[in-house]
PDB file of N, CA and C in Angstrom:
ATOM      1  N   UNK A   1     138.462  -5.168 154.511  1.00  0.00           N
ATOM      2  CA  UNK A   1     138.289  -4.264 152.825  1.00  0.00           C
ATOM      3  C   UNK A   1     140.117  -3.970 152.347  1.00  0.00           C
ATOM      4  N   UNK A   2     140.150  -4.476 150.821  1.00  0.00           N
ATOM      5  CA  UNK A   2     141.133  -3.829 150.385  1.00  0.00           C
ATOM      6  C   UNK A   2     140.946  -2.264 149.752  1.00  0.00           C
ATOM      7  N   UNK A   3     142.186  -2.054 150.085  1.00  0.00           N
ATOM      8  CA  UNK A   3     142.592  -0.055 149.984  1.00  0.00           C
ATOM      9  C   UNK A   3     141.978  -0.327 148.616  1.00  0.00           C
ATOM     10  N   UNK A   4     141.868   1.060 148.452  1.00  0.00           N
ATOM     11  CA  UNK A   4     142.397   1.730 146.660  1.00  0.00           C
ATOM     12  C   UNK A   4     143.250   1.763 146.029  1.00  0.00           C
ATOM     13  N   UNK A   5     144.063   1.682 144.578  1.00  0.00           N
ATOM     14  CA  UNK A   5     145.773   2.047 144.931  1.00  0.00           C
ATOM     15  C   UNK A   5     145.344   3.542 144.383  1.00  0.00           C
ATOM     16  N   UNK A   6     146.927   4.466 144.925  1.00  0.00           N
ATOM     17  CA  UNK A   6     146.957   5.903 144.678  1.00  0.00           C
ATOM     18  C   UNK A   6     146.496   6.317 143.677  1.00  0.00           C
ATOM     19  N   UNK A   7     147.548   5.612 141.909  1.00  0.00           N
ATOM     20  CA  UNK A   7     147.624   5.612 140.991  1.00  0.00           C
ATOM     21  C   UNK A   7     145.910   5.487 140.319  1.00  0.00           C
ATOM     22  N   UNK A   8     145.645   4.330 139.832  1.00  0.00           N
ATOM     23  CA  UNK A   8     144.045   3.949 139.858  1.00  0.00           C
ATOM     24  C   UNK A   8     143.378   3.683 139.822  1.00  0.00           C
ATOM     25  N   UNK A   9     143.369   3.503 141.410  1.00  0.00           N
ATOM     26  CA  UNK A   9     141.513   3.977 141.599  1.00  0.00           C
ATOM     27  C   UNK A   9     141.289   2.719 141.923  1.00  0.00           C
ATOM     28  N   UNK A  10     141.946   1.839 142.014  1.00  0.00           N
ATOM     29  CA  UNK A  10     141.151  -0.101 141.577  1.00  0.00           C
ATOM     30  C   UNK A  10     141.678  -0.758 142.894  1.00  0.00           C
ATOM     31  N   UNK A  11     140.825  -1.361 142.975  1.00  0.00           N
ATOM     32  CA  UNK A  11     141.581  -2.073 144.119  1.00  0.00           C
ATOM     33  C   UNK A  11     142.312  -3.068 144.447  1.00  0.00           C
ATOM     34  N   UNK A  12     143.383  -2.400 145.727  1.00  0.00           N
ATOM     35  CA  UNK A  12     143.920  -3.870 145.661  1.00  0.00           C
ATOM     36  C   UNK A  12     144.861  -4.227 146.292  1.00  0.00           C
ATOM     37  N   UNK A  13     145.357  -5.726 145.608  1.00  0.00           N
ATOM     38  CA  UNK A  13     145.270  -7.237 146.778  1.00  0.00           C
ATOM     39  C   UNK A  13     145.872  -7.274 147.567  1.00  0.00           C
ATOM     40  N   UNK A  14     146.495  -8.221 148.362  1.00  0.00           N
ATOM     41  CA  UNK A  14     147.497  -8.390 148.998  1.00  0.00           C
ATOM     42  C   UNK A  14     148.370  -8.892 148.362  1.00  0.00           C
ATOM     43  N   UNK A  15     148.655  -9.615 146.910  1.00  0.00           N
ATOM     44  CA  UNK A  15     149.547 -10.284 146.271  1.00  0.00           C
ATOM     45  C   UNK A  15     150.379  -8.543 145.923  1.00  0.00           C
ATOM     46  N   UNK A  16     149.960  -8.126 145.178  1.00  0.00           N
ATOM     47  CA  UNK A  16     150.229  -6.668 144.570  1.00  0.00           C
ATOM     48  C   UNK A  16     150.581  -5.662 145.380  1.00  0.00           C
ATOM     49  N   UNK A  17     150.615  -5.642 146.576  1.00  0.00           N
ATOM     50  CA  UNK A  17     150.263  -4.457 147.204  1.00  0.00           C
ATOM     51  C   UNK A  17     151.720  -3.728 147.830  1.00  0.00           C
ATOM     52  N   UNK A  18     151.717  -2.959 147.531  1.00  0.00           N
ATOM     53  CA  UNK A  18     153.160  -1.527 148.025  1.00  0.00           C
ATOM     54  C   UNK A  18     152.878  -0.941 148.708  1.00  0.00           C
ATOM     55  N   UNK A  19     152.771  -0.871 149.316  1.00  0.00           N
ATOM     56  CA  UNK A  19     152.694   0.668 151.689  1.00  0.00           C
ATOM     57  C   UNK A  19     153.647   1.221 151.115  1.00  0.00           C
ATOM     58  N   UNK A  20     153.446   2.551 150.663  1.00  0.00           N
ATOM     59  CA  UNK A  20     154.705   3.075 150.940  1.00  0.00           C
ATOM     60  C   UNK A  20     154.063   4.576 150.594  1.00  0.00           C
ATOM     61  N   UNK A  21     154.872   5.486 151.437  1.00  0.00           N
ATOM     62  CA  UNK A  21     154.713   7.049 151.304  1.00  0.00           C
ATOM     63  C   UNK A  21     153.239   7.662 151.530  1.00  0.00           C
ATOM     64  N   UNK A  22     152.927   6.495 152.789  1.00  0.00           N
ATOM     65  CA  UNK A  22     151.089   6.191 153.222  1.00  0.00           C
ATOM     66  C   UNK A  22     149.595   6.241 152.086  1.00  0.00           C
ATOM     67  N   UNK A  23     151.007   5.305 151.205  1.00  0.00           N
ATOM     68  CA  UNK A  23     149.439   5.216 150.196  1.00  0.00           C
ATOM     69  C   UNK A  23     149.632   4.375 149.414  1.00  0.00           C
ATOM     70  N   UNK A  24     148.687   3.409 149.590  1.00  0.00           N
ATOM     71  CA  UNK A  24     148.664   2.006 148.940  1.00  0.00           C
ATOM     72  C   UNK A  24     148.998   2.035 147.155  1.00  0.00           C
ATOM     73  N   UNK A  25     149.631   1.188 146.691  1.00  0.00           N
ATOM     74  CA  UNK A  25     150.262   1.697 145.354  1.00  0.00           C
ATOM     75  C   UNK A  25     149.888  -0.462 144.436  1.00  0.00           C
ATOM     76  N   UNK A  26     149.607  -0.529 143.631  1.00  0.00           N
ATOM     77  CA  UNK A  26     149.799  -2.211 142.793  1.00  0.00           C
ATOM     78  C   UNK A  26     151.494  -1.894 142.554  1.00  0.00           C
ATOM     79  N   UNK A  27     152.297  -3.008 142.087  1.00  0.00           N
ATOM     80  CA  UNK A  27     153.598  -2.614 141.914  1.00  0.00           C
ATOM     81  C   UNK A  27     153.437  -2.042 140.058  1.00  0.00           C
ATOM     82  N   UNK A  28     152.400  -2.154 139.487  1.00  0.00           N
ATOM     83  CA  UNK A  28     152.762  -1.964 138.131  1.00  0.00           C
ATOM     84  C   UNK A  28     152.235  -0.202 138.132  1.00  0.00           C
ATOM     85  N   UNK A  29     151.837   0.295 139.491  1.00  0.00           N
ATOM     86  CA  UNK A  29     151.542   1.812 139.197  1.00  0.00           C
ATOM     87  C   UNK A  29     152.216   2.370 140.323  1.00  0.00           C
ATOM     88  N   UNK A  30     153.232   1.808 141.090  1.00  0.00           N
ATOM     89  CA  UNK A  30     154.376   2.240 141.545  1.00  0.00           C
ATOM     90  C   UNK A  30     155.200   2.769 140.999  1.00  0.00           C
ATOM     91  N   UNK A  31     155.624   3.176 139.868  1.00  0.00           N
ATOM     92  CA  UNK A  31     156.010   4.327 138.991  1.00  0.00           C
ATOM     93  C   UNK A  31     156.916   5.572 138.865  1.00  0.00           C
ATOM     94  N   UNK A  32     157.412   5.719 138.621  1.00  0.00           N
ATOM     95  CA  UNK A  32     157.973   7.824 138.411  1.00  0.00           C
ATOM     96  C   UNK A  32     156.989   8.104 138.341  1.00  0.00           C
ATOM     97  N   UNK A  33     157.710   9.349 138.047  1.00  0.00           N
ATOM     98  CA  UNK A  33     155.663  10.231 138.104  1.00  0.00           C
ATOM     99  C   UNK A  33     156.251  11.355 136.616  1.00  0.00           C
ATOM    100  N   UNK A  34     157.498  11.700 136.557  1.00  0.00           N
ATOM    101  CA  UNK A  34     157.545  11.871 135.097  1.00  0.00           C
ATOM    102  C   UNK A  34     158.721  11.016 134.125  1.00  0.00           C
ATOM    103  N   UNK A  35     159.116   9.843 134.422  1.00  0.00           N
ATOM    104  CA  UNK A  35     159.914   9.530 133.268  1.00  0.00           C
ATOM    105  C   UNK A  35     159.042   7.912 132.945  1.00  0.00           C
ATOM    106  N   UNK A  36     157.997   7.417 134.794  1.00  0.00           N
ATOM    107  CA  UNK A  36     157.421   6.271 134.178  1.00  0.00           C
ATOM    108  C   UNK A  36     157.662   5.035 134.254  1.00  0.00           C
ATOM    109  N   UNK A  37     159.219   5.347 135.183  1.00  0.00           N
ATOM    110  CA  UNK A  37     160.110   3.964 135.352  1.00  0.00           C
ATOM    111  C   UNK A  37     159.592   3.472 136.976  1.00  0.00           C
ATOM    112  N   UNK A  38     159.202   2.238 136.530  1.00  0.00           N
ATOM    113  CA  UNK A  38     159.075   1.076 137.103  1.00  0.00           C
ATOM    114  C   UNK A  38     160.077   0.846 138.372  1.00  0.00           C
ATOM    115  N   UNK A  39     159.548   1.697 139.646  1.00  0.00           N
ATOM    116  CA  UNK A  39     160.122   1.859 140.912  1.00  0.00           C
ATOM    117  C   UNK A  39     159.603   0.518 142.073  1.00  0.00           C
ATOM    118  N   UNK A  40     161.113   0.701 143.358  1.00  0.00           N
ATOM    119  CA  UNK A  40     160.350  -0.994 143.662  1.00  0.00           C
ATOM    120  C   UNK A  40     160.995   0.131 145.224  1.00  0.00           C
ATOM    121  N   UNK A  41     160.914  -1.270 146.161  1.00  0.00           N
ATOM    122  CA  UNK A  41     160.936  -0.130 147.571  1.00  0.00           C
ATOM    123  C   UNK A  41     162.436   0.367 148.212  1.00  0.00           C
ATOM    124  N   UNK A  42     163.394  -0.132 146.724  1.00  0.00           N
ATOM    125  CA  UNK A  42     164.533   0.046 146.828  1.00  0.00           C
ATOM    126  C   UNK A  42     165.193   0.983 146.770  1.00  0.00           C
ATOM    127  N   UNK A  43     164.718   1.671 145.360  1.00  0.00           N
ATOM    128  CA  UNK A  43     165.742   2.678 144.077  1.00  0.00           C
ATOM    129  C   UNK A  43     164.310   4.262 144.473  1.00  0.00           C
ATOM    130  N   UNK A  44     163.370   4.265 145.401  1.00  0.00           N
ATOM    131  CA  UNK A  44     162.069   5.268 144.631  1.00  0.00           C
ATOM    132  C   UNK A  44     162.750   6.684 146.205  1.00  0.00           C
ATOM    133  N   UNK A  45     162.065   7.290 145.629  1.00  0.00           N
ATOM    134  CA  UNK A  45     162.145   8.728 146.083  1.00  0.00           C
ATOM    135  C   UNK A  45     161.107   9.501 146.456  1.00  0.00           C
ATOM    136  N   UNK A  46     161.156   9.947 148.072  1.00  0.00           N
ATOM    137  CA  UNK A  46     159.747  10.185 147.847  1.00  0.00           C
ATOM    138  C   UNK A  46     159.547  11.677 147.556  1.00  0.00           C
ATOM    139  N   UNK A  47     158.391  12.535 147.823  1.00  0.00           N
ATOM    140  CA  UNK A  47     158.617  13.879 146.991  1.00  0.00           C
ATOM    141  C   UNK A  47     157.112  14.425 147.250  1.00  0.00           C
ATOM    142  N   UNK A  48     156.702  14.831 148.540  1.00  0.00           N
ATOM    143  CA  UNK A  48     155.089  15.135 148.242  1.00  0.00           C
ATOM    144  C   UNK A  48     154.301  14.353 148.183  1.00  0.00           C
ATOM    145  N   UNK A  49     155.025  13.276 148.177  1.00  0.00           N
ATOM    146  CA  UNK A  49     153.470  11.980 149.264  1.00  0.00           C
ATOM    147  C   UNK A  49     153.740  10.735 147.235  1.00  0.00           C
ATOM    148  N   UNK A  50     154.863  11.321 145.680  1.00  0.00           N
ATOM    149  CA  UNK A  50     154.572  10.980 145.155  1.00  0.00           C
ATOM    150  C   UNK A  50     156.103  10.170 144.735  1.00  0.00           C
ATOM    151  N   UNK A  51     156.400   9.159 144.391  1.00  0.00           N
ATOM    152  CA  UNK A  51     157.612   8.159 144.922  1.00  0.00           C
ATOM    153  C   UNK A  51     158.028   8.985 143.171  1.00  0.00           C
ATOM    154  N   UNK A  52     159.646   9.558 142.674  1.00  0.00           N
ATOM    155  CA  UNK A  52     160.264   9.217 141.415  1.00  0.00           C
ATOM    156  C   UNK A  52     161.684   8.248 141.826  1.00  0.00           C
ATOM    157  N   UNK A  53     162.294   8.691 140.827  1.00  0.00           N
ATOM    158  CA  UNK A  53     163.215   7.996 140.563  1.00  0.00           C
ATOM    159  C   UNK A  53     164.165   8.741 141.340  1.00  0.00           C
ATOM    160  N   UNK A  54     165.582   8.814 141.135  1.00  0.00           N
ATOM    161  CA  UNK A  54     166.918   9.199 141.689  1.00  0.00           C
ATOM    162  C   UNK A  54     166.838  10.124 140.773  1.00  0.00           C
ATOM    163  N   UNK A  55     167.034  10.173 138.956  1.00  0.00           N
ATOM    164  CA  UNK A  55     167.112  11.307 138.270  1.00  0.00           C
ATOM    165  C   UNK A  55     166.201  12.247 138.449  1.00  0.00           C
ATOM    166  N   UNK A  56     164.698  12.321 138.257  1.00  0.00           N
ATOM    167  CA  UNK A  56     164.309  12.630 138.385  1.00  0.00           C
ATOM    168  C   UNK A  56     163.850  13.811 139.521  1.00  0.00           C
ATOM    169  N   UNK A  57     164.436  13.373 140.512  1.00  0.00           N
ATOM    170  CA  UNK A  57     163.900  13.777 141.689  1.00  0.00           C
ATOM    171  C   UNK A  57     164.436  15.233 142.688  1.00  0.00           C
ATOM    172  N   UNK A  58     163.509  16.485 142.561  1.00  0.00           N
ATOM    173  CA  UNK A  58     163.005  17.137 142.831  1.00  0.00           C
ATOM    174  C   UNK A  58     163.726  17.877 143.667  1.00  0.00           C
ATOM    175  N   UNK A  59     164.442  19.028 142.423  1.00  0.00           N
ATOM    176  CA  UNK A  59     165.753  19.674 143.072  1.00  0.00           C
ATOM    177  C   UNK A  59     165.156  20.087 144.753  1.00  0.00           C
ATOM    178  N   UNK A  60     165.447  20.239 145.524  1.00  0.00           N
ATOM    179  CA  UNK A  60     165.397  21.682 146.748  1.00  0.00           C
ATOM    180  C   UNK A  60     165.747  22.637 147.464  1.00  0.00           C
ATOM    181  N   UNK A  61     165.857  23.916 146.815  1.00  0.00           N
ATOM    182  CA  UNK A  61     166.593  24.724 146.655  1.00  0.00           C
ATOM    183  C   UNK A  61     165.593  25.361 148.154  1.00  0.00           C
ATOM    184  N   UNK A  62     167.617  26.137 149.048  1.00  0.00           N
ATOM    185  CA  UNK A  62     167.305  26.668 149.587  1.00  0.00           C
ATOM    186  C   UNK A  62     166.818  27.692 149.788  1.00  0.00           C
ATOM    187  N   UNK A  63     165.907  29.304 150.482  1.00  0.00           N
ATOM    188  CA  UNK A  63     165.092  30.743 149.886  1.00  0.00           C
ATOM    189  C   UNK A  63     166.233  31.586 151.072  1.00  0.00           C
ATOM    190  N   UNK A  64     166.513  30.894 153.170  1.00  0.00           N
ATOM    191  CA  UNK A  64     166.607  31.358 153.866  1.00  0.00           C
ATOM    192  C   UNK A  64     167.604  31.461 154.505  1.00  0.00           C
ATOM    193  N   UNK A  65     168.631  32.011 154.282  1.00  0.00           N
ATOM    194  CA  UNK A  65     169.945  32.448 154.519  1.00  0.00           C
ATOM    195  C   UNK A  65     170.186  32.557 155.825  1.00  0.00           C
ATOM    196  N   UNK A  66     170.568  31.721 156.672  1.00  0.00           N
ATOM    197  CA  UNK A  66     170.979  31.758 157.982  1.00  0.00           C
ATOM    198  C   UNK A  66     171.860  31.783 158.498  1.00  0.00           C
ATOM    199  N   UNK A  67     172.081  32.221 159.136  1.00  0.00           N
ATOM    200  CA  UNK A  67     173.588  32.635 160.309  1.00  0.00           C
ATOM    201  C   UNK A  67     174.558  31.458 160.250  1.00  0.00           C
ATOM    202  N   UNK A  68     174.928  30.723 159.723  1.00  0.00           N
ATOM    203  CA  UNK A  68     175.645  29.825 160.668  1.00  0.00           C
ATOM    204  C   UNK A  68     176.968  30.164 160.232  1.00  0.00           C
ATOM    205  N   UNK A  69     178.146  29.483 161.281  1.00  0.00           N
ATOM    206  CA  UNK A  69     179.326  29.860 160.734  1.00  0.00           C
ATOM    207  C   UNK A  69     179.862  29.612 159.967  1.00  0.00           C
ATOM    208  N   UNK A  70     179.743  29.074 158.894  1.00  0.00           N
ATOM    209  CA  UNK A  70     180.012  29.100 158.153  1.00  0.00           C
ATOM    210  C   UNK A  70     179.669  30.008 156.803  1.00  0.00           C
ATOM    211  N   UNK A  71     178.878  30.600 157.124  1.00  0.00           N
ATOM    212  CA  UNK A  71     177.610  31.414 155.733  1.00  0.00           C
ATOM    213  C   UNK A  71     178.873  32.801 156.879  1.00  0.00           C
ATOM    214  N   UNK A  72     178.899  33.264 158.635  1.00  0.00           N
ATOM    215  CA  UNK A  72     179.036  34.210 158.869  1.00  0.00           C
ATOM    216  C   UNK A  72     180.678  34.588 158.579  1.00  0.00           C
ATOM    217  N   UNK A  73     181.977  33.168 158.227  1.00  0.00           N
ATOM    218  CA  UNK A  73     182.970  32.920 157.805  1.00  0.00           C
ATOM    219  C   UNK A  73     182.835  33.664 157.438  1.00  0.00           C
ATOM    220  N   UNK A  74     181.985  33.547 156.071  1.00  0.00           N
ATOM    221  CA  UNK A  74     182.365  34.235 154.411  1.00  0.00           C
ATOM    222  C   UNK A  74     181.849  35.563 154.237  1.00  0.00           C
ATOM    223  N   UNK A  75     180.774  35.378 154.964  1.00  0.00           N
ATOM    224  CA  UNK A  75     180.066  37.045 154.970  1.00  0.00           C
ATOM    225  C   UNK A  75     181.867  38.368 155.623  1.00  0.00           C
ATOM    226  N   UNK A  76     182.423  37.718 156.119  1.00  0.00           N
ATOM    227  CA  UNK A  76     183.496  38.592 157.423  1.00  0.00           C
ATOM    228  C   UNK A  76     184.413  38.214 156.134  1.00  0.00           C
ATOM    229  N   UNK A  77     184.223  37.053 154.996  1.00  0.00           N
ATOM    230  CA  UNK A  77     185.662  37.531 154.184  1.00  0.00           C
ATOM    231  C   UNK A  77     185.072  38.376 153.435  1.00  0.00           C
ATOM    232  N   UNK A  78     183.887  38.560 153.329  1.00  0.00           N
ATOM    233  CA  UNK A  78     183.612  39.292 152.198  1.00  0.00           C
ATOM    234  C   UNK A  78     184.478  40.812 152.294  1.00  0.00           C
ATOM    235  N   UNK A  79     183.776  40.632 153.221  1.00  0.00           N
ATOM    236  CA  UNK A  79     183.808  42.208 153.840  1.00  0.00           C
ATOM    237  C   UNK A  79     185.148  42.892 153.930  1.00  0.00           C
ATOM    238  N   UNK A  80     186.367  42.089 154.215  1.00  0.00           N
ATOM    239  CA  UNK A  80     187.742  41.881 154.271  1.00  0.00           C
ATOM    240  C   UNK A  80     188.876  42.630 152.986  1.00  0.00           C
ATOM    241  N   UNK A  81     187.486  41.604 151.798  1.00  0.00           N
ATOM    242  CA  UNK A  81     187.888  41.818 150.688  1.00  0.00           C
ATOM    243  C   UNK A  81     187.461  43.072 150.058  1.00  0.00           C
ATOM    244  N   UNK A  82     186.799  43.179 150.395  1.00  0.00           N
ATOM    245  CA  UNK A  82     185.690  44.997 149.678  1.00  0.00           C
ATOM    246  C   UNK A  82     187.124  45.956 150.089  1.00  0.00           C
ATOM    247  N   UNK A  83     186.505  46.979 148.804  1.00  0.00           N
ATOM    248  CA  UNK A  83     187.384  47.640 148.029  1.00  0.00           C
ATOM    249  C   UNK A  83     186.903  49.067 149.360  1.00  0.00           C
ATOM    250  N   UNK A  84     185.178  49.462 149.724  1.00  0.00           N
ATOM    251  CA  UNK A  84     183.838  49.949 150.093  1.00  0.00           C
ATOM    252  C   UNK A  84     185.053  49.651 151.520  1.00  0.00           C
ATOM    253  N   UNK A  85     184.960  48.559 152.868  1.00  0.00           N
ATOM    254  CA  UNK A  85     186.117  48.811 153.983  1.00  0.00           C
ATOM    255  C   UNK A  85     187.078  49.853 154.128  1.00  0.00           C
ATOM    256  N   UNK A  86     188.046  49.486 152.947  1.00  0.00           N
ATOM    257  CA  UNK A  86     189.752  50.445 152.808  1.00  0.00           C
ATOM    258  C   UNK A  86     188.355  51.762 152.551  1.00  0.00           C
ATOM    259  N   UNK A  87     188.341  51.884 152.056  1.00  0.00           N
ATOM    260  CA  UNK A  87     187.638  53.066 150.986  1.00  0.00           C
ATOM    261  C   UNK A  87     187.383  54.145 152.284  1.00  0.00           C
ATOM    262  N   UNK A  88     186.339  53.004 152.969  1.00  0.00           N
ATOM    263  CA  UNK A  88     185.319  54.079 154.515  1.00  0.00           C
ATOM    264  C   UNK A  88     186.733  54.277 155.338  1.00  0.00           C
ATOM    265  N   UNK A  89     187.929  53.055 155.351  1.00  0.00           N
ATOM    266  CA  UNK A  89     188.508  54.195 156.723  1.00  0.00           C
ATOM    267  C   UNK A  89     189.555  54.785 156.422  1.00  0.00           C
ATOM    268  N   UNK A  90     189.848  54.175 154.713  1.00  0.00           N
ATOM    269  CA  UNK A  90     191.045  55.852 154.179  1.00  0.00           C
ATOM    270  C   UNK A  90     190.379  57.313 154.816  1.00  0.00           C
ATOM    271  N   UNK A  91     189.302  57.185 154.322  1.00  0.00           N
ATOM    272  CA  UNK A  91     188.283  58.341 154.155  1.00  0.00           C
ATOM    273  C   UNK A  91     188.326  59.268 155.704  1.00  0.00           C
ATOM    274  N   UNK A  92     188.154  58.218 156.761  1.00  0.00           N
ATOM    275  CA  UNK A  92     188.265  58.606 158.191  1.00  0.00           C
ATOM    276  C   UNK A  92     189.357  59.041 158.449  1.00  0.00           C
ATOM    277  N   UNK A  93     189.773  57.981 157.776  1.00  0.00           N
ATOM    278  CA  UNK A  93     191.718  58.573 158.391  1.00  0.00           C
ATOM    279  C   UNK A  93     191.634  59.222 158.362  1.00  0.00           C
ATOM    280  N   UNK A  94     191.368  60.316 157.005  1.00  0.00           N
ATOM    281  CA  UNK A  94     191.616  62.262 156.109  1.00  0.00           C
ATOM    282  C   UNK A  94     191.512  63.016 157.119  1.00  0.00           C
ATOM    283  N   UNK A  95     193.517  63.625 156.930  1.00  0.00           N
ATOM    284  CA  UNK A  95     193.554  65.071 157.992  1.00  0.00           C
ATOM    285  C   UNK A  95     193.874  64.669 159.286  1.00  0.00           C
ATOM    286  N   UNK A  96     194.055  63.141 159.725  1.00  0.00           N
ATOM    287  CA  UNK A  96     193.730  63.114 160.965  1.00  0.00           C
ATOM    288  C   UNK A  96     195.647  62.913 161.051  1.00  0.00           C
ATOM    289  N   UNK A  97     196.236  62.865 160.397  1.00  0.00           N
ATOM    290  CA  UNK A  97     197.843  62.631 160.097  1.00  0.00           C
ATOM    291  C   UNK A  97     198.044  61.309 160.413  1.00  0.00           C
ATOM    292  N   UNK A  98     199.356  60.623 160.457  1.00  0.00           N
ATOM    293  CA  UNK A  98     199.639  59.132 160.560  1.00  0.00           C
ATOM    294  C   UNK A  98     200.854  58.910 162.099  1.00  0.00           C
ATOM    295  N   UNK A  99     200.618  58.482 162.376  1.00  0.00           N
ATOM    296  CA  UNK A  99     201.948  57.425 163.415  1.00  0.00           C
ATOM    297  C   UNK A  99     203.041  56.648 162.378  1.00  0.00           C
ATOM    298  N   UNK A 100     204.098  56.457 162.898  1.00  0.00           N
ATOM    299  CA  UNK A 100     205.281  56.219 162.008  1.00  0.00           C
ATOM    300  C   UNK A 100     205.853  55.602 163.563  1.00  0.00           C
ATOM    301  N   UNK A 101     205.948  53.194 162.949  1.00  0.00           N
ATOM    302  CA  UNK A 101     205.769  52.691 163.392  1.00  0.00           C
ATOM    303  C   UNK A 101     207.354  52.005 163.596  1.00  0.00           C
ATOM    304  N   UNK A 102     208.627  52.155 163.651  1.00  0.00           N
ATOM    305  CA  UNK A 102     209.151  52.148 163.019  1.00  0.00           C
ATOM    306  C   UNK A 102     210.606  50.486 163.880  1.00  0.00           C
ATOM    307  N   UNK A 103     209.987  49.707 164.573  1.00  0.00           N
ATOM    308  CA  UNK A 103     210.775  49.348 164.656  1.00  0.00           C
ATOM    309  C   UNK A 103     209.697  47.829 164.764  1.00  0.00           C
ATOM    310  N   UNK A 104     209.229  47.448 164.083  1.00  0.00           N
ATOM    311  CA  UNK A 104     208.648  46.009 163.895  1.00  0.00           C
ATOM    312  C   UNK A 104     209.111  44.861 164.074  1.00  0.00           C
ATOM    313  N   UNK A 105     208.597  44.190 164.066  1.00  0.00           N
ATOM    314  CA  UNK A 105     209.209  42.986 163.605  1.00  0.00           C
ATOM    315  C   UNK A 105     209.417  42.155 162.625  1.00  0.00           C
ATOM    316  N   UNK A 106     208.946  43.470 161.425  1.00  0.00           N
ATOM    317  CA  UNK A 106     208.499  42.947 160.712  1.00  0.00           C
ATOM    318  C   UNK A 106     209.662  43.447 159.305  1.00  0.00           C
ATOM    319  N   UNK A 107     209.816  44.584 159.752  1.00  0.00           N
ATOM    320  CA  UNK A 107     210.703  46.001 159.332  1.00  0.00           C
ATOM    321  C   UNK A 107     212.037  45.773 159.975  1.00  0.00           C
ATOM    322  N   UNK A 108     211.885  44.727 161.405  1.00  0.00           N
ATOM    323  CA  UNK A 108     213.294  44.976 161.359  1.00  0.00           C
ATOM    324  C   UNK A 108     214.123  43.453 160.528  1.00  0.00           C
ATOM    325  N   UNK A 109     213.396  42.269 160.273  1.00  0.00           N
ATOM    326  CA  UNK A 109     213.471  41.239 159.288  1.00  0.00           C
ATOM    327  C   UNK A 109     213.620  41.883 158.159  1.00  0.00           C
ATOM    328  N   UNK A 110     213.082  43.242 157.432  1.00  0.00           N
ATOM    329  CA  UNK A 110     214.085  43.688 155.572  1.00  0.00           C
ATOM    330  C   UNK A 110     214.880  44.309 156.646  1.00  0.00           C
ATOM    331  N   UNK A 111     215.415  45.146 157.456  1.00  0.00           N
ATOM    332  CA  UNK A 111     216.650  46.093 157.587  1.00  0.00           C
ATOM    333  C   UNK A 111     217.614  44.549 157.839  1.00  0.00           C
ATOM    334  N   UNK A 112     218.040  43.816 158.654  1.00  0.00           N
ATOM    335  CA  UNK A 112     217.945  42.531 158.117  1.00  0.00           C
ATOM    336  C   UNK A 112     218.590  42.057 157.093  1.00  0.00           C
ATOM    337  N   UNK A 113     217.453  41.880 156.226  1.00  0.00           N
ATOM    338  CA  UNK A 113     216.979  41.141 154.551  1.00  0.00           C
ATOM    339  C   UNK A 113     218.435  42.003 154.566  1.00  0.00           C
ATOM    340  N   UNK A 114     217.847  43.165 153.811  1.00  0.00           N
ATOM    341  CA  UNK A 114     219.297  44.167 153.380  1.00  0.00           C
ATOM    342  C   UNK A 114     220.437  44.573 153.529  1.00  0.00           C
ATOM    343  N   UNK A 115     221.152  44.426 155.269  1.00  0.00           N
ATOM    344  CA  UNK A 115     222.349  44.785 155.132  1.00  0.00           C
ATOM    345  C   UNK A 115     222.646  44.211 154.366  1.00  0.00           C
ATOM    346  N   UNK A 116     222.099  42.143 154.747  1.00  0.00           N
ATOM    347  CA  UNK A 116     223.153  40.778 154.982  1.00  0.00           C
ATOM    348  C   UNK A 116     223.070  41.001 152.741  1.00  0.00           C
ATOM    349  N   UNK A 117     221.746  41.666 152.059  1.00  0.00           N
ATOM    350  CA  UNK A 117     222.476  41.432 151.149  1.00  0.00           C
ATOM    351  C   UNK A 117     222.794  42.857 150.305  1.00  0.00           C
ATOM    352  N   UNK A 118     223.553  44.114 151.071  1.00  0.00           N
ATOM    353  CA  UNK A 118     224.285  45.070 150.437  1.00  0.00           C
ATOM    354  C   UNK A 118     226.056  44.983 150.687  1.00  0.00           C
ATOM    355  N   UNK A 119     225.466  43.901 152.467  1.00  0.00           N
ATOM    356  CA  UNK A 119     227.103  42.650 152.744  1.00  0.00           C
ATOM    357  C   UNK A 119     227.908  41.791 151.240  1.00  0.00           C
ATOM    358  N   UNK A 120     227.384  40.764 151.024  1.00  0.00           N
ATOM    359  CA  UNK A 120     227.577  39.500 149.768  1.00  0.00           C
ATOM    360  C   UNK A 120     228.182  41.354 148.990  1.00  0.00           C
TER     361      UNK A 120
END
């Protein structure tokens, strides 16, 4: 027995049958849901068991943000660039005093550079 077409409901004979998206279609009935462009097995895109052309294929948008390594890196980077963290650290360090580190490699390099410039 020949199956009905998913679009028009008429009988689909083997010579004009396209079996796709778990349904049977006439060649002429297998077209984009939006623009009605006739599709074939090479250029269709299925979404919710309906055929679409590439231009009208529904865009899927993600609603859940997962903790992927990239998202964790971006979160950490945005926290580093945020002034909130610096303000919090500043408020915590108020009144504690501070310590001076006089011989860091960076300071030594700066001193040598300044001495070299002043000698020139």
